[in-house]
Amino acid sequence: MPKITREAMRLYAVSDRSWLAPGESLAQAAETLLRSGVTCFQLREKELDRDAFLELARSIKPVCRRYNVPFLINDDVEVALACDADGVHVGQSDESLAQARRQLGPDKIIGVSCHNVAEARAALEGGADYLGCGSVFATDTKQNVTRLPVEELARIRAAVGELPIVAIGGIHEENLPLLRGSGADGVALVSALFAPRDKEAAARQLLALSRQVLSPGEI
């Protein structure tokens, strides 16, 4: 039984509090998004110190539990352990997959950022539970990122078999259809989910589009 399914990649939220409306908490935004169809939630708040990050994580975890959605911590294994998150997501320059697995044990989810087939194969062989592949489009969330063509994403899918893959980087309603046939199981979104005033409508529309574009026949 996999620790995380390909369906959980369908509409994957990556947090960014800078997009919240005045007076809106991240827990409130998470509640709205999860209620509206988000299938996985990653807490990524790079500017917070560890104590503040842990406090925020403890406010988000029960929301994810209510909706039975995987709750993942970006990079920080210590915070993931302290709040008993479902797992972590690590980048190529973050804590190594092997080290994260030693600390978290065999039962936690570990996702790995990959930018090409070689990194994807290494993550698969190292025991990653899913891959975050990008940046598929230009993005303001991360600076100095290399674009990952849709064709390379399809090659990654061919290289890793049934391992769950989420596409990330600059994805929004207008360009999501360009991922058709890419092999991705879903999309990881930041501003497309957190910036809209009507987050419920945005999430429902993006979930429907993800299901339409990345249908079983396409993955």
Protein backbone atom coordinates (compact mmCIF):
# COMPACT_ATOMS: atom_id res chain seq x y z
CA MET A 1 0.00 0.00 0.00
CA PRO A 2 1.65 3.30 -1.05
CA LYS A 3 2.14 5.98 1.59
CA ILE A 4 0.78 8.57 -0.81
CA THR A 5 -1.30 8.02 -3.94
CA ARG A 6 -1.17 9.53 -7.40
CA GLU A 7 -4.62 10.96 -6.74
CA ALA A 8 -3.18 12.93 -3.79
CA MET A 9 -1.09 14.86 -6.32
CA ARG A 10 -4.19 16.11 -8.14
CA LEU A 11 -4.43 19.54 -6.49
CA TYR A 12 -1.43 20.10 -4.23
CA ALA A 13 -1.30 23.36 -2.27
CA VAL A 14 2.04 24.92 -1.29
CA SER A 15 1.55 27.64 1.29
CA ASP A 16 2.63 31.27 1.02
CA ARG A 17 1.20 33.61 3.66
CA SER A 18 2.17 36.70 1.64
CA TRP A 19 -0.90 36.12 -0.55
CA LEU A 20 -3.41 36.08 2.31
CA ALA A 21 -6.04 38.79 2.62
CA PRO A 22 -5.77 41.23 5.56
CA GLY A 23 -6.93 39.49 8.71
CA GLU A 24 -6.96 36.05 7.07
CA SER A 25 -4.94 33.33 8.82
CA LEU A 26 -3.22 30.50 7.01
CA ALA A 27 -5.37 28.01 8.93
CA GLN A 28 -8.50 29.74 7.63
CA ALA A 29 -7.19 29.66 4.07
CA ALA A 30 -6.24 26.01 4.45
CA GLU A 31 -9.73 25.16 5.72
CA THR A 32 -11.31 26.81 2.67
CA LEU A 33 -8.95 25.16 0.19
CA LEU A 34 -9.21 21.68 1.69
CA ARG A 35 -12.99 21.93 1.87
CA SER A 36 -12.95 22.89 -1.82
CA GLY A 37 -10.91 19.98 -3.10
CA VAL A 38 -7.19 20.41 -2.36
CA THR A 39 -5.72 16.90 -2.14
CA CYS A 40 -2.34 17.57 -0.46
CA PHE A 41 -0.97 20.45 1.63
CA GLN A 42 2.67 21.48 2.00
CA LEU A 43 3.64 24.09 4.58
CA ARG A 44 6.42 26.19 3.04
CA GLU A 45 7.28 29.36 4.94
CA LYS A 46 11.00 29.93 4.49
CA GLU A 47 11.28 33.22 6.38
CA LEU A 48 9.98 31.91 9.73
CA ASP A 49 12.27 30.78 12.51
CA ARG A 50 11.83 27.22 13.70
CA ASP A 51 9.62 28.01 16.70
CA ALA A 52 7.23 30.13 14.64
CA PHE A 53 7.25 27.54 11.86
CA LEU A 54 6.39 24.79 14.33
CA GLU A 55 3.60 26.85 15.86
CA LEU A 56 2.15 27.44 12.40
CA ALA A 57 2.48 23.75 11.53
CA ARG A 58 0.54 22.81 14.66
CA SER A 59 -2.28 25.11 13.57
CA ILE A 60 -2.49 23.56 10.09
CA LYS A 61 -2.14 19.87 10.92
CA PRO A 62 -5.62 19.44 12.50
CA VAL A 63 -7.21 21.08 9.46
CA CYS A 64 -5.54 18.54 7.18
CA ARG A 65 -6.59 15.73 9.52
CA ARG A 66 -10.24 16.78 9.30
CA TYR A 67 -10.16 16.39 5.53
CA ASN A 68 -7.89 13.32 5.49
CA VAL A 69 -5.35 15.16 3.32
CA PRO A 70 -1.58 14.55 3.60
CA PHE A 71 0.18 17.31 5.55
CA LEU A 72 3.81 17.84 4.55
CA ILE A 73 6.54 20.15 5.81
CA ASN A 74 8.94 21.82 3.42
CA ASP A 75 12.52 20.75 4.13
CA ASP A 76 12.52 20.87 7.95
CA VAL A 77 12.59 17.31 9.29
CA GLU A 78 12.80 18.50 12.90
CA VAL A 79 9.56 20.44 12.57
CA ALA A 80 7.91 17.49 10.81
CA LEU A 81 8.86 15.23 13.71
CA ALA A 82 7.84 17.75 16.36
CA CYS A 83 4.33 18.22 14.95
CA ASP A 84 3.98 14.62 13.70
CA ALA A 85 3.33 15.71 10.12
CA ASP A 86 2.75 13.06 7.48
CA GLY A 87 6.13 13.78 5.96
CA VAL A 88 8.44 16.27 4.29
CA HIS A 89 9.33 17.63 0.88
CA VAL A 90 13.04 18.14 0.21
CA GLY A 91 14.85 19.84 -2.64
CA GLN A 92 18.10 18.89 -4.32
CA SER A 93 19.98 21.39 -2.13
CA ASP A 94 18.05 20.65 1.06
CA GLU A 95 18.56 17.80 3.50
CA SER A 96 19.34 14.59 1.63
CA LEU A 97 16.67 11.99 1.02
CA ALA A 98 18.74 9.36 2.82
CA GLN A 99 19.23 11.56 5.89
CA ALA A 100 15.56 12.51 5.97
CA ARG A 101 14.58 8.84 5.81
CA ARG A 102 16.94 7.95 8.65
CA GLN A 103 15.37 10.63 10.84
CA LEU A 104 11.74 10.09 9.86
CA GLY A 105 11.70 6.31 9.64
CA PRO A 106 10.05 4.09 7.04
CA ASP A 107 6.44 5.20 7.46
CA LYS A 108 6.59 8.92 6.73
CA ILE A 109 6.14 10.43 3.27
CA ILE A 110 9.16 11.99 1.59
CA GLY A 111 8.76 13.96 -1.61
CA VAL A 112 11.76 15.13 -3.64
CA SER A 113 12.14 18.03 -6.08
CA CYS A 114 13.47 16.86 -9.44
CA HIS A 115 14.44 18.78 -12.55
CA ASN A 116 15.50 16.02 -14.93
CA VAL A 117 15.44 12.28 -15.51
CA ALA A 118 18.72 11.65 -13.68
CA GLU A 119 17.48 13.30 -10.49
CA ALA A 120 14.16 11.50 -10.78
CA ARG A 121 15.83 8.10 -11.12
CA ALA A 122 18.07 8.83 -8.13
CA ALA A 123 15.05 9.82 -6.05
CA LEU A 124 13.18 6.67 -7.08
CA GLU A 125 16.15 4.47 -6.20
CA GLY A 126 16.59 6.33 -2.92
CA GLY A 127 13.03 5.54 -1.84
CA ALA A 128 11.17 8.79 -2.52
CA ASP A 129 7.41 8.48 -2.19
CA TYR A 130 6.63 11.09 -4.84
CA LEU A 131 8.37 13.64 -7.07
CA GLY A 132 7.79 17.37 -7.42
CA CYS A 133 8.93 18.24 -10.94
CA GLY A 134 9.53 21.75 -12.26
CA SER A 135 9.64 24.51 -12.85
CA VAL A 136 7.31 23.78 -15.74
CA PHE A 137 6.58 27.49 -16.30
CA ALA A 138 8.15 30.79 -15.25
CA THR A 139 7.45 31.56 -11.60
CA ASP A 140 7.90 34.41 -9.14
CA THR A 141 7.93 32.04 -6.14
CA LYS A 142 11.53 30.94 -6.68
CA GLN A 143 14.36 32.87 -8.30
CA ASN A 144 16.99 31.48 -10.69
CA VAL A 145 15.04 28.34 -11.54
CA THR A 146 15.53 26.31 -14.70
CA ARG A 147 12.52 25.53 -16.82
CA LEU A 148 11.57 21.87 -17.17
CA PRO A 149 9.98 21.27 -20.59
CA VAL A 150 6.81 19.22 -20.76
CA GLU A 151 8.71 16.72 -22.90
CA GLU A 152 11.22 16.17 -20.09
CA LEU A 153 8.36 15.69 -17.66
CA ALA A 154 7.02 12.96 -19.93
CA ARG A 155 10.47 11.34 -19.96
CA ILE A 156 10.53 11.46 -16.17
CA ARG A 157 7.18 9.67 -16.08
CA ALA A 158 8.53 6.96 -18.36
CA ALA A 159 11.60 6.58 -16.13
CA VAL A 160 9.81 6.23 -12.77
CA GLY A 161 6.80 4.08 -13.63
CA GLU A 162 3.86 4.55 -11.27
CA LEU A 163 5.63 6.80 -8.76
CA PRO A 164 3.38 9.82 -8.05
CA ILE A 165 4.46 13.02 -9.83
CA VAL A 166 3.25 16.55 -9.24
CA ALA A 167 4.16 19.33 -11.67
CA ILE A 168 5.14 22.64 -10.08
CA GLY A 169 6.18 26.12 -11.10
CA GLY A 170 4.14 29.00 -12.45
CA ILE A 171 1.01 26.92 -13.06
CA HIS A 172 -2.35 28.67 -13.29
CA GLU A 173 -5.69 28.24 -14.96
CA GLU A 174 -4.54 29.52 -18.36
CA ASN A 175 -1.44 27.37 -18.79
CA LEU A 176 -2.46 24.20 -16.94
CA PRO A 177 -3.91 22.70 -20.18
CA LEU A 178 -0.39 22.77 -21.66
CA LEU A 179 0.48 19.90 -19.30
CA ARG A 180 -1.79 17.49 -21.14
CA GLY A 181 0.15 14.33 -21.93
CA SER A 182 3.02 15.29 -19.61
CA GLY A 183 2.66 12.29 -17.33
CA ALA A 184 2.03 14.43 -14.25
CA ASP A 185 -0.67 13.24 -11.87
CA GLY A 186 -1.53 16.74 -10.75
CA VAL A 187 -0.34 20.26 -10.11
CA ALA A 188 1.28 22.01 -7.15
CA LEU A 189 0.10 25.60 -6.84
CA VAL A 190 0.96 28.61 -4.73
CA SER A 191 -0.52 31.93 -5.88
CA ALA A 192 -3.21 30.32 -8.03
CA LEU A 193 -4.74 28.98 -4.80
CA PHE A 194 -3.72 31.50 -2.12
CA ALA A 195 -4.06 34.79 -3.99
CA PRO A 196 -7.72 34.71 -5.14
CA ARG A 197 -10.25 36.49 -2.95
CA ASP A 198 -12.66 33.59 -3.62
CA LYS A 199 -10.38 30.67 -2.79
CA GLU A 200 -13.23 28.17 -2.80
CA ALA A 201 -14.19 28.95 -6.39
CA ALA A 202 -10.53 28.95 -7.48
CA ALA A 203 -9.83 25.56 -5.91
CA ARG A 204 -12.95 23.94 -7.33
CA GLN A 205 -12.21 25.26 -10.81
CA LEU A 206 -8.56 24.20 -10.71
CA LEU A 207 -9.45 20.73 -9.42
CA ALA A 208 -11.93 20.25 -12.25
CA LEU A 209 -9.35 21.45 -14.77
CA SER A 210 -6.67 19.17 -13.34
CA ARG A 211 -9.02 16.20 -13.61
CA GLN A 212 -9.92 17.13 -17.17
CA VAL A 213 -6.38 17.78 -18.42
CA LEU A 214 -4.59 15.09 -16.43
CA SER A 215 -7.26 12.44 -16.85
CA PRO A 216 -6.51 8.72 -16.36
CA GLY A 217 -6.10 8.41 -20.09
CA GLU A 218 -3.34 11.01 -19.98
CA ILE A 219 -1.45 9.57 -17.02
